[in-house]
């Protein structure tokens, strides 16, 4: 195959070529950063923007959707799943159970606990709150039970067995 030489003014050719190379050099690093890729990385761009995993909480035959927090505590809790816990009643507003191991904590005092809050008390006590109330205690948030209106009735007044699993 023969190449044809296109005649152009040499200074103009060099200037155009220089700008093209400069423009390409400036856009490639930005594209690599924007796509979540780094040199040698084979991870897809969607991994960095992936949503937190969804979890189910099941009480008897009733299943609740749980949205997990994006924190070390929630990620450590997911490592324990699937899990079925007998949850004891406390104070007429929560059910709690000891976990088989401690989890990392980032405890804060929420002030108001809301129906559907899924929290860690201390380092190893999982708590499901089924009523809204004020509290002086500190907890680490694990997630939030969606559509929690039926939560109190589902949990009942005793010590229910509650199953947690990823969707």
N, C-alpha and C. Protein backbone atom coordinates (compact mmCIF):
# COMPACT_ATOMS: atom_id res chain seq x y z
N UNK A 1 0.85 -1.17 0.00
CA UNK A 1 0.00 0.00 0.00
C UNK A 1 0.89 1.23 0.00
N UNK A 2 0.61 2.14 -0.86
CA UNK A 2 1.42 3.36 -0.98
C UNK A 2 0.75 4.48 -0.22
N UNK A 3 1.54 5.27 0.48
CA UNK A 3 1.01 6.41 1.20
C UNK A 3 1.14 7.63 0.33
N UNK A 4 0.14 8.45 0.35
CA UNK A 4 0.21 9.71 -0.37
C UNK A 4 0.61 10.78 0.59
N UNK A 5 1.49 11.61 0.16
CA UNK A 5 1.91 12.72 0.99
C UNK A 5 1.04 13.92 0.67
N UNK A 6 0.40 14.44 1.68
CA UNK A 6 -0.44 15.62 1.50
C UNK A 6 0.42 16.83 1.74
N UNK A 7 0.38 17.73 0.83
CA UNK A 7 1.22 18.91 0.94
C UNK A 7 0.48 19.94 1.77
N UNK A 8 1.15 20.41 2.80
CA UNK A 8 0.59 21.48 3.64
C UNK A 8 1.72 22.36 4.09
N UNK A 9 1.36 23.49 4.54
CA UNK A 9 2.35 24.42 5.03
C UNK A 9 2.99 23.81 6.28
N UNK A 10 4.30 23.51 6.33
CA UNK A 10 4.93 22.82 7.45
C UNK A 10 4.67 23.44 8.81
N UNK A 11 4.77 24.75 9.01
CA UNK A 11 4.50 25.28 10.36
C UNK A 11 3.06 24.99 10.81
N UNK A 12 2.12 25.04 9.88
CA UNK A 12 0.73 24.78 10.23
C UNK A 12 0.55 23.31 10.60
N UNK A 13 1.17 22.39 9.88
CA UNK A 13 1.08 20.97 10.15
C UNK A 13 1.62 20.66 11.54
N UNK A 14 2.75 21.22 11.87
CA UNK A 14 3.35 20.98 13.18
C UNK A 14 2.49 21.55 14.30
N UNK A 15 1.91 22.72 14.06
CA UNK A 15 1.05 23.33 15.08
C UNK A 15 -0.20 22.49 15.31
N UNK A 16 -0.83 22.03 14.24
CA UNK A 16 -2.03 21.21 14.36
C UNK A 16 -1.70 19.90 15.06
N UNK A 17 -0.61 19.27 14.63
CA UNK A 17 -0.19 18.02 15.25
C UNK A 17 0.13 18.22 16.74
N UNK A 18 0.80 19.30 17.06
CA UNK A 18 1.14 19.61 18.45
C UNK A 18 -0.10 19.78 19.31
N UNK A 19 -1.10 20.51 18.80
CA UNK A 19 -2.34 20.70 19.56
C UNK A 19 -3.11 19.39 19.70
N UNK A 20 -3.10 18.58 18.66
CA UNK A 20 -3.79 17.29 18.73
C UNK A 20 -3.16 16.39 19.79
N UNK A 21 -1.84 16.31 19.81
CA UNK A 21 -1.15 15.49 20.81
C UNK A 21 -1.40 16.04 22.20
N UNK A 22 -1.31 17.36 22.36
CA UNK A 22 -1.56 17.98 23.66
C UNK A 22 -2.99 17.71 24.12
N UNK A 23 -3.95 17.87 23.22
CA UNK A 23 -5.36 17.61 23.57
C UNK A 23 -5.57 16.16 23.97
N UNK A 24 -4.96 15.23 23.25
CA UNK A 24 -5.08 13.82 23.59
C UNK A 24 -4.44 13.52 24.94
N UNK A 25 -3.28 14.09 25.19
CA UNK A 25 -2.59 13.87 26.47
C UNK A 25 -3.40 14.41 27.64
N UNK A 26 -4.11 15.51 27.42
CA UNK A 26 -4.88 16.10 28.52
C UNK A 26 -6.17 15.32 28.78
N UNK A 27 -6.76 14.71 27.77
CA UNK A 27 -8.03 14.02 27.98
C UNK A 27 -7.86 12.59 28.47
N UNK A 28 -6.78 11.92 28.15
CA UNK A 28 -6.60 10.53 28.58
C UNK A 28 -6.52 10.39 30.09
N UNK A 29 -5.69 11.16 30.80
CA UNK A 29 -5.68 11.00 32.27
C UNK A 29 -7.03 11.32 32.89
N UNK A 30 -7.71 12.33 32.38
CA UNK A 30 -9.02 12.66 32.93
C UNK A 30 -10.01 11.53 32.70
N UNK A 31 -9.97 10.94 31.52
CA UNK A 31 -10.87 9.83 31.23
C UNK A 31 -10.57 8.65 32.13
N UNK A 32 -9.30 8.37 32.40
CA UNK A 32 -8.94 7.26 33.28
C UNK A 32 -9.43 7.51 34.69
N UNK A 33 -9.29 8.75 35.18
CA UNK A 33 -9.75 9.07 36.53
C UNK A 33 -11.27 9.02 36.60
N UNK A 34 -11.94 9.62 35.59
CA UNK A 34 -13.39 9.65 35.61
C UNK A 34 -14.00 8.26 35.52
N UNK A 35 -13.34 7.34 34.83
CA UNK A 35 -13.92 6.01 34.66
C UNK A 35 -13.62 5.08 35.81
N UNK A 36 -12.82 5.53 36.79
CA UNK A 36 -12.52 4.69 37.93
C UNK A 36 -11.36 3.74 37.67
N UNK A 37 -10.67 3.91 36.53
CA UNK A 37 -9.55 3.03 36.20
C UNK A 37 -8.23 3.70 36.56
N UNK A 38 -7.29 2.93 36.97
CA UNK A 38 -5.93 3.39 37.17
C UNK A 38 -5.04 2.45 36.40
N UNK A 39 -3.79 2.83 36.24
CA UNK A 39 -2.88 1.98 35.48
C UNK A 39 -2.83 0.60 36.09
N UNK A 40 -3.06 -0.43 35.27
CA UNK A 40 -3.00 -1.80 35.75
C UNK A 40 -4.28 -2.27 36.42
N UNK A 41 -5.28 -1.42 36.52
CA UNK A 41 -6.52 -1.82 37.18
C UNK A 41 -7.45 -2.51 36.20
N UNK A 42 -8.05 -3.62 36.63
CA UNK A 42 -9.02 -4.31 35.78
C UNK A 42 -10.41 -4.19 36.35
N UNK A 43 -10.57 -3.43 37.43
CA UNK A 43 -11.87 -3.28 38.08
C UNK A 43 -12.78 -2.39 37.24
N UNK A 44 -14.01 -2.77 37.10
CA UNK A 44 -14.97 -2.00 36.31
C UNK A 44 -15.32 -0.71 37.02
N UNK A 45 -15.65 0.30 36.24
CA UNK A 45 -15.98 1.61 36.80
C UNK A 45 -17.18 1.54 37.72
N UNK A 46 -18.11 0.64 37.47
CA UNK A 46 -19.33 0.58 38.28
C UNK A 46 -19.06 0.10 39.69
N UNK A 47 -17.90 -0.52 39.95
CA UNK A 47 -17.65 -1.04 41.30
C UNK A 47 -17.54 0.10 42.30
N UNK A 48 -16.95 1.21 41.91
CA UNK A 48 -16.77 2.31 42.84
C UNK A 48 -18.08 3.03 43.13
N UNK A 49 -19.02 2.99 42.21
CA UNK A 49 -20.27 3.68 42.42
C UNK A 49 -21.40 2.72 42.75
N UNK A 50 -21.05 1.47 43.00
CA UNK A 50 -22.06 0.45 43.27
C UNK A 50 -22.83 0.79 44.55
N UNK A 51 -24.11 0.53 44.55
CA UNK A 51 -24.94 0.77 45.73
C UNK A 51 -24.62 -0.24 46.82
N UNK A 52 -24.96 0.13 48.04
CA UNK A 52 -24.81 -0.79 49.16
C UNK A 52 -25.71 -2.00 48.93
N UNK A 53 -25.29 -3.17 49.41
CA UNK A 53 -26.14 -4.34 49.24
C UNK A 53 -27.46 -4.17 50.01
N UNK A 54 -28.49 -4.81 49.51
CA UNK A 54 -29.78 -4.79 50.19
C UNK A 54 -29.91 -6.06 51.01
N UNK A 55 -30.64 -5.95 52.10
CA UNK A 55 -30.78 -7.07 53.01
C UNK A 55 -32.26 -7.25 53.33
N UNK A 56 -32.64 -8.49 53.61
CA UNK A 56 -33.98 -8.81 54.09
C UNK A 56 -33.91 -9.10 55.58
N UNK A 57 -34.92 -8.68 56.30
CA UNK A 57 -35.12 -9.10 57.68
C UNK A 57 -36.47 -9.80 57.69
N UNK A 58 -36.50 -11.06 58.16
CA UNK A 58 -37.73 -11.85 58.15
C UNK A 58 -38.12 -12.21 59.57
N UNK A 59 -39.37 -11.91 59.91
CA UNK A 59 -39.96 -12.26 61.20
C UNK A 59 -41.16 -13.13 60.88
N UNK A 60 -41.13 -14.39 61.31
CA UNK A 60 -42.17 -15.37 60.96
C UNK A 60 -42.27 -15.41 59.43
N UNK A 61 -43.42 -15.00 58.89
CA UNK A 61 -43.57 -15.02 57.43
C UNK A 61 -43.50 -13.62 56.82
N UNK A 62 -43.26 -12.62 57.65
CA UNK A 62 -43.23 -11.25 57.15
C UNK A 62 -41.80 -10.82 56.87
N UNK A 63 -41.57 -10.29 55.66
CA UNK A 63 -40.23 -9.90 55.25
C UNK A 63 -40.16 -8.39 55.09
N UNK A 64 -39.07 -7.80 55.60
CA UNK A 64 -38.84 -6.37 55.53
C UNK A 64 -37.56 -6.09 54.76
N UNK A 65 -37.61 -5.08 53.92
CA UNK A 65 -36.44 -4.65 53.16
C UNK A 65 -35.59 -3.75 54.07
N UNK A 66 -34.28 -4.01 54.10
CA UNK A 66 -33.36 -3.21 54.93
C UNK A 66 -32.34 -2.56 54.02
N UNK A 67 -32.21 -1.25 54.14
CA UNK A 67 -31.17 -0.53 53.42
C UNK A 67 -30.00 -0.37 54.38
N UNK A 68 -28.84 -0.87 53.97
CA UNK A 68 -27.65 -0.84 54.82
C UNK A 68 -26.90 0.48 54.67
N UNK A 69 -26.26 0.88 55.74
CA UNK A 69 -25.41 2.06 55.71
C UNK A 69 -24.12 1.72 54.96
N UNK A 70 -23.43 2.74 54.51
CA UNK A 70 -22.12 2.56 53.89
C UNK A 70 -21.07 2.86 54.95
N UNK A 71 -20.86 1.90 55.85
CA UNK A 71 -19.86 2.09 56.90
C UNK A 71 -19.24 0.73 57.27
N UNK A 72 -18.13 0.74 58.00
CA UNK A 72 -17.47 -0.51 58.36
C UNK A 72 -18.34 -1.45 59.19
N UNK A 73 -19.22 -0.91 60.00
CA UNK A 73 -20.09 -1.73 60.84
C UNK A 73 -21.06 -2.54 59.98
N UNK A 74 -21.70 -1.89 59.03
CA UNK A 74 -22.64 -2.58 58.15
C UNK A 74 -21.91 -3.63 57.31
N UNK A 75 -20.72 -3.28 56.81
CA UNK A 75 -19.96 -4.25 56.01
C UNK A 75 -19.57 -5.47 56.85
N UNK A 76 -19.20 -5.25 58.10
CA UNK A 76 -18.85 -6.37 58.99
C UNK A 76 -20.09 -7.20 59.33
N UNK A 77 -21.23 -6.54 59.51
CA UNK A 77 -22.47 -7.27 59.79
C UNK A 77 -22.84 -8.17 58.61
N UNK A 78 -22.68 -7.68 57.39
CA UNK A 78 -22.98 -8.47 56.20
C UNK A 78 -22.14 -9.75 56.17
N UNK A 79 -20.94 -9.70 56.70
CA UNK A 79 -20.07 -10.88 56.73
C UNK A 79 -20.63 -11.98 57.64
N UNK A 80 -21.54 -11.64 58.53
CA UNK A 80 -22.16 -12.61 59.43
C UNK A 80 -23.38 -13.30 58.81
N UNK A 81 -23.83 -12.81 57.66
CA UNK A 81 -25.07 -13.30 57.06
C UNK A 81 -24.84 -14.55 56.22
N UNK A 82 -25.88 -15.38 56.12
CA UNK A 82 -27.20 -15.27 56.74
C UNK A 82 -27.12 -15.59 58.23
N UNK A 83 -28.00 -15.00 58.98
CA UNK A 83 -28.03 -15.22 60.43
C UNK A 83 -29.48 -15.21 60.92
N UNK A 84 -29.78 -16.08 61.86
CA UNK A 84 -31.07 -16.10 62.53
C UNK A 84 -30.80 -15.91 64.01
N UNK A 85 -31.43 -14.90 64.59
CA UNK A 85 -31.18 -14.55 65.98
C UNK A 85 -32.48 -14.55 66.77
N UNK A 86 -32.43 -15.05 68.00
CA UNK A 86 -33.56 -14.89 68.90
C UNK A 86 -33.36 -13.53 69.56
N UNK A 87 -34.33 -12.65 69.33
CA UNK A 87 -34.19 -11.28 69.80
C UNK A 87 -35.08 -11.04 71.01
N UNK A 88 -34.48 -10.58 72.08
CA UNK A 88 -35.18 -10.34 73.34
C UNK A 88 -35.81 -8.96 73.35
N UNK A 89 -36.93 -8.87 74.03
CA UNK A 89 -37.67 -7.62 74.20
C UNK A 89 -36.94 -6.73 75.22
N UNK A 90 -36.96 -5.42 74.98
CA UNK A 90 -36.41 -4.47 75.94
C UNK A 90 -37.17 -3.15 75.86
N UNK A 91 -37.67 -2.68 76.99
CA UNK A 91 -38.27 -1.35 77.15
C UNK A 91 -39.53 -1.08 76.31
N UNK A 92 -40.12 -2.09 75.72
CA UNK A 92 -41.33 -1.86 74.94
C UNK A 92 -41.10 -1.08 73.66
N UNK A 93 -39.83 -1.00 73.20
CA UNK A 93 -39.56 -0.26 71.96
C UNK A 93 -38.47 -0.88 71.08
N UNK A 94 -37.88 -1.98 71.56
CA UNK A 94 -36.78 -2.57 70.81
C UNK A 94 -36.65 -4.06 71.06
N UNK A 95 -36.00 -4.73 70.11
CA UNK A 95 -35.59 -6.12 70.25
C UNK A 95 -34.07 -6.13 70.08
N UNK A 96 -33.39 -6.99 70.86
CA UNK A 96 -31.93 -7.02 70.78
C UNK A 96 -31.41 -8.44 70.86
N UNK A 97 -30.20 -8.63 70.33
CA UNK A 97 -29.55 -9.95 70.37
C UNK A 97 -28.05 -9.75 70.32
N UNK A 98 -27.34 -10.64 71.00
CA UNK A 98 -25.88 -10.62 70.95
C UNK A 98 -25.41 -11.26 69.66
N UNK A 99 -24.41 -10.65 69.05
CA UNK A 99 -23.83 -11.19 67.82
C UNK A 99 -22.68 -12.13 68.18
N UNK A 100 -22.31 -13.03 67.28
CA UNK A 100 -21.25 -14.00 67.58
C UNK A 100 -19.86 -13.39 67.69
N UNK A 101 -19.68 -12.17 67.21
CA UNK A 101 -18.39 -11.49 67.35
C UNK A 101 -18.60 -9.99 67.39
N UNK A 102 -17.59 -9.28 67.83
CA UNK A 102 -17.68 -7.82 67.88
C UNK A 102 -17.55 -7.24 66.48
N UNK A 103 -18.14 -6.07 66.30
CA UNK A 103 -18.08 -5.35 65.03
C UNK A 103 -17.40 -4.01 65.26
N UNK A 104 -16.82 -3.42 64.21
CA UNK A 104 -16.25 -2.07 64.36
C UNK A 104 -17.37 -1.08 64.69
N UNK A 105 -17.03 -0.05 65.44
CA UNK A 105 -18.06 0.91 65.86
C UNK A 105 -17.68 2.33 65.47
N UNK A 106 -18.71 3.13 65.26
CA UNK A 106 -18.62 4.58 65.06
C UNK A 106 -19.81 5.17 65.81
N UNK A 107 -19.85 4.92 67.11
CA UNK A 107 -21.02 5.26 67.91
C UNK A 107 -21.24 6.77 67.98
N UNK A 108 -22.51 7.13 67.85
CA UNK A 108 -22.95 8.51 68.04
C UNK A 108 -24.23 8.49 68.84
N UNK A 109 -24.58 9.61 69.39
CA UNK A 109 -25.85 9.73 70.12
C UNK A 109 -26.88 10.33 69.17
N UNK A 110 -27.78 9.50 68.65
CA UNK A 110 -28.74 10.01 67.66
C UNK A 110 -29.79 10.93 68.26
N UNK A 111 -30.00 10.86 69.58
CA UNK A 111 -31.04 11.68 70.21
C UNK A 111 -32.40 11.06 70.03
N UNK A 112 -32.89 11.03 68.80
CA UNK A 112 -34.18 10.40 68.52
C UNK A 112 -33.94 9.11 67.75
N UNK A 113 -34.45 8.03 68.30
CA UNK A 113 -34.42 6.73 67.64
C UNK A 113 -35.72 6.63 66.86
N UNK A 114 -35.67 6.14 65.65
CA UNK A 114 -36.87 6.05 64.81
C UNK A 114 -37.28 4.60 64.58
N UNK A 115 -38.57 4.41 64.43
CA UNK A 115 -39.08 3.09 64.07
C UNK A 115 -38.36 2.62 62.81
N UNK A 116 -37.79 1.42 62.87
CA UNK A 116 -37.08 0.87 61.73
C UNK A 116 -35.58 1.03 61.78
N UNK A 117 -35.05 1.72 62.79
CA UNK A 117 -33.59 1.83 62.91
C UNK A 117 -33.00 0.48 63.26
N UNK A 118 -31.93 0.11 62.58
CA UNK A 118 -31.17 -1.10 62.87
C UNK A 118 -29.80 -0.62 63.32
N UNK A 119 -29.48 -0.87 64.59
CA UNK A 119 -28.28 -0.29 65.19
C UNK A 119 -27.46 -1.34 65.93
N UNK A 120 -26.24 -0.94 66.22
CA UNK A 120 -25.35 -1.74 67.06
C UNK A 120 -25.17 -0.98 68.37
N UNK A 121 -25.43 -1.66 69.48
CA UNK A 121 -25.20 -1.09 70.80
C UNK A 121 -23.92 -1.73 71.32
N UNK A 122 -23.00 -0.91 71.80
CA UNK A 122 -21.70 -1.44 72.21
C UNK A 122 -21.00 -1.98 70.98
N UNK A 123 -20.35 -3.13 71.14
CA UNK A 123 -19.61 -3.71 70.02
C UNK A 123 -20.24 -4.98 69.46
N UNK A 124 -21.26 -5.52 70.16
CA UNK A 124 -21.78 -6.82 69.72
C UNK A 124 -23.26 -7.04 69.96
N UNK A 125 -24.03 -5.97 70.16
CA UNK A 125 -25.46 -6.13 70.39
C UNK A 125 -26.25 -5.48 69.26
N UNK A 126 -26.93 -6.32 68.48
CA UNK A 126 -27.77 -5.84 67.40
C UNK A 126 -29.12 -5.42 67.98
N UNK A 127 -29.61 -4.25 67.55
CA UNK A 127 -30.88 -3.74 68.07
C UNK A 127 -31.78 -3.34 66.90
N UNK A 128 -33.01 -3.81 66.95
CA UNK A 128 -34.06 -3.42 66.00
C UNK A 128 -35.06 -2.58 66.79
N UNK A 129 -35.24 -1.34 66.39
CA UNK A 129 -36.19 -0.45 67.09
C UNK A 129 -37.52 -0.45 66.35
N UNK A 130 -38.60 -0.68 67.12
CA UNK A 130 -39.92 -0.71 66.51
C UNK A 130 -40.82 0.42 66.96
N UNK A 131 -40.28 1.36 67.74
CA UNK A 131 -40.99 2.57 68.12
C UNK A 131 -40.02 3.74 68.10
N UNK A 132 -40.56 4.92 67.83
CA UNK A 132 -39.76 6.15 67.85
C UNK A 132 -39.76 6.71 69.27
N UNK A 133 -38.59 7.13 69.74
CA UNK A 133 -38.46 7.70 71.08
C UNK A 133 -37.13 8.44 71.20
N UNK A 134 -36.97 9.21 72.26
CA UNK A 134 -35.71 9.91 72.53
C UNK A 134 -34.83 9.02 73.38
N UNK A 135 -33.52 9.08 73.12
CA UNK A 135 -32.59 8.24 73.86
C UNK A 135 -31.28 8.97 74.12
N UNK A 136 -30.72 8.81 75.32
CA UNK A 136 -29.42 9.40 75.62
C UNK A 136 -28.25 8.47 75.26
N UNK A 137 -28.55 7.25 74.81
CA UNK A 137 -27.52 6.25 74.55
C UNK A 137 -26.86 6.44 73.19
N UNK A 138 -25.69 5.83 73.04
CA UNK A 138 -24.97 5.91 71.77
C UNK A 138 -25.07 4.58 71.03
N UNK A 139 -25.18 4.66 69.71
CA UNK A 139 -25.32 3.51 68.84
C UNK A 139 -24.51 3.74 67.57
N UNK A 140 -24.22 2.66 66.88
CA UNK A 140 -23.64 2.74 65.54
C UNK A 140 -24.71 2.26 64.57
N UNK A 141 -25.01 3.09 63.59
CA UNK A 141 -26.07 2.76 62.64
C UNK A 141 -25.60 1.67 61.68
N UNK A 142 -26.43 0.64 61.51
CA UNK A 142 -26.17 -0.43 60.55
C UNK A 142 -27.05 -0.26 59.32
N UNK A 143 -28.30 0.12 59.55
CA UNK A 143 -29.21 0.29 58.42
C UNK A 143 -30.56 0.80 58.85
N UNK A 144 -31.47 0.75 57.90
CA UNK A 144 -32.82 1.25 58.12
C UNK A 144 -33.81 0.27 57.51
N UNK A 145 -34.79 -0.14 58.30
CA UNK A 145 -35.84 -1.04 57.83
C UNK A 145 -36.88 -0.18 57.11
N UNK A 146 -37.08 -0.49 55.84
CA UNK A 146 -38.03 0.27 55.03
C UNK A 146 -39.45 -0.19 55.34
N UNK A 147 -40.40 0.68 55.13
CA UNK A 147 -41.82 0.35 55.36
C UNK A 147 -42.01 -0.33 56.72
N UNK A 148 -41.57 0.34 57.77
CA UNK A 148 -41.55 -0.25 59.11
C UNK A 148 -42.86 -0.11 59.87
N UNK A 149 -43.94 0.31 59.22
CA UNK A 149 -45.22 0.50 59.90
C UNK A 149 -45.71 -0.78 60.57
N UNK A 150 -45.49 -1.93 59.96
CA UNK A 150 -45.96 -3.22 60.51
C UNK A 150 -44.92 -3.90 61.38
N UNK A 151 -43.82 -3.23 61.64
CA UNK A 151 -42.72 -3.84 62.38
C UNK A 151 -43.09 -4.21 63.81
N UNK A 152 -43.74 -3.33 64.53
CA UNK A 152 -44.11 -3.61 65.92
C UNK A 152 -45.02 -4.84 66.01
N UNK A 153 -46.01 -4.91 65.14
CA UNK A 153 -46.93 -6.04 65.16
C UNK A 153 -46.20 -7.33 64.78
N UNK A 154 -45.31 -7.28 63.81
CA UNK A 154 -44.59 -8.47 63.37
C UNK A 154 -43.66 -9.00 64.46
N UNK A 155 -43.00 -8.10 65.18
CA UNK A 155 -42.07 -8.53 66.23
C UNK A 155 -42.79 -9.04 67.46
N UNK A 156 -44.00 -8.54 67.71
CA UNK A 156 -44.79 -9.02 68.85
C UNK A 156 -44.20 -8.62 70.18
N UNK A 157 -44.77 -9.19 71.25
CA UNK A 157 -44.35 -8.82 72.60
C UNK A 157 -43.32 -9.79 73.18
N UNK A 158 -43.09 -10.91 72.53
CA UNK A 158 -42.15 -11.91 73.05
C UNK A 158 -40.75 -11.75 72.49
N UNK A 159 -40.06 -12.89 72.36
CA UNK A 159 -38.69 -12.93 71.86
C UNK A 159 -38.67 -13.67 70.52
N UNK A 160 -38.93 -12.97 69.44
CA UNK A 160 -39.05 -13.63 68.14
C UNK A 160 -37.70 -14.05 67.56
N UNK A 161 -37.77 -15.05 66.69
CA UNK A 161 -36.59 -15.43 65.89
C UNK A 161 -36.63 -14.55 64.64
N UNK A 162 -35.53 -13.85 64.39
CA UNK A 162 -35.46 -12.92 63.27
C UNK A 162 -34.31 -13.34 62.37
N UNK A 163 -34.61 -13.49 61.09
CA UNK A 163 -33.59 -13.91 60.11
C UNK A 163 -33.14 -12.70 59.30
N UNK A 164 -31.83 -12.62 59.07
CA UNK A 164 -31.24 -11.57 58.25
C UNK A 164 -30.48 -12.24 57.11
N UNK A 165 -30.71 -11.77 55.88
CA UNK A 165 -30.03 -12.34 54.71
C UNK A 165 -29.93 -11.29 53.63
N UNK A 166 -28.92 -11.42 52.79
CA UNK A 166 -28.80 -10.53 51.65
C UNK A 166 -29.85 -10.88 50.62
N UNK A 167 -30.33 -9.87 49.92
CA UNK A 167 -31.33 -10.09 48.87
C UNK A 167 -30.69 -10.74 47.67
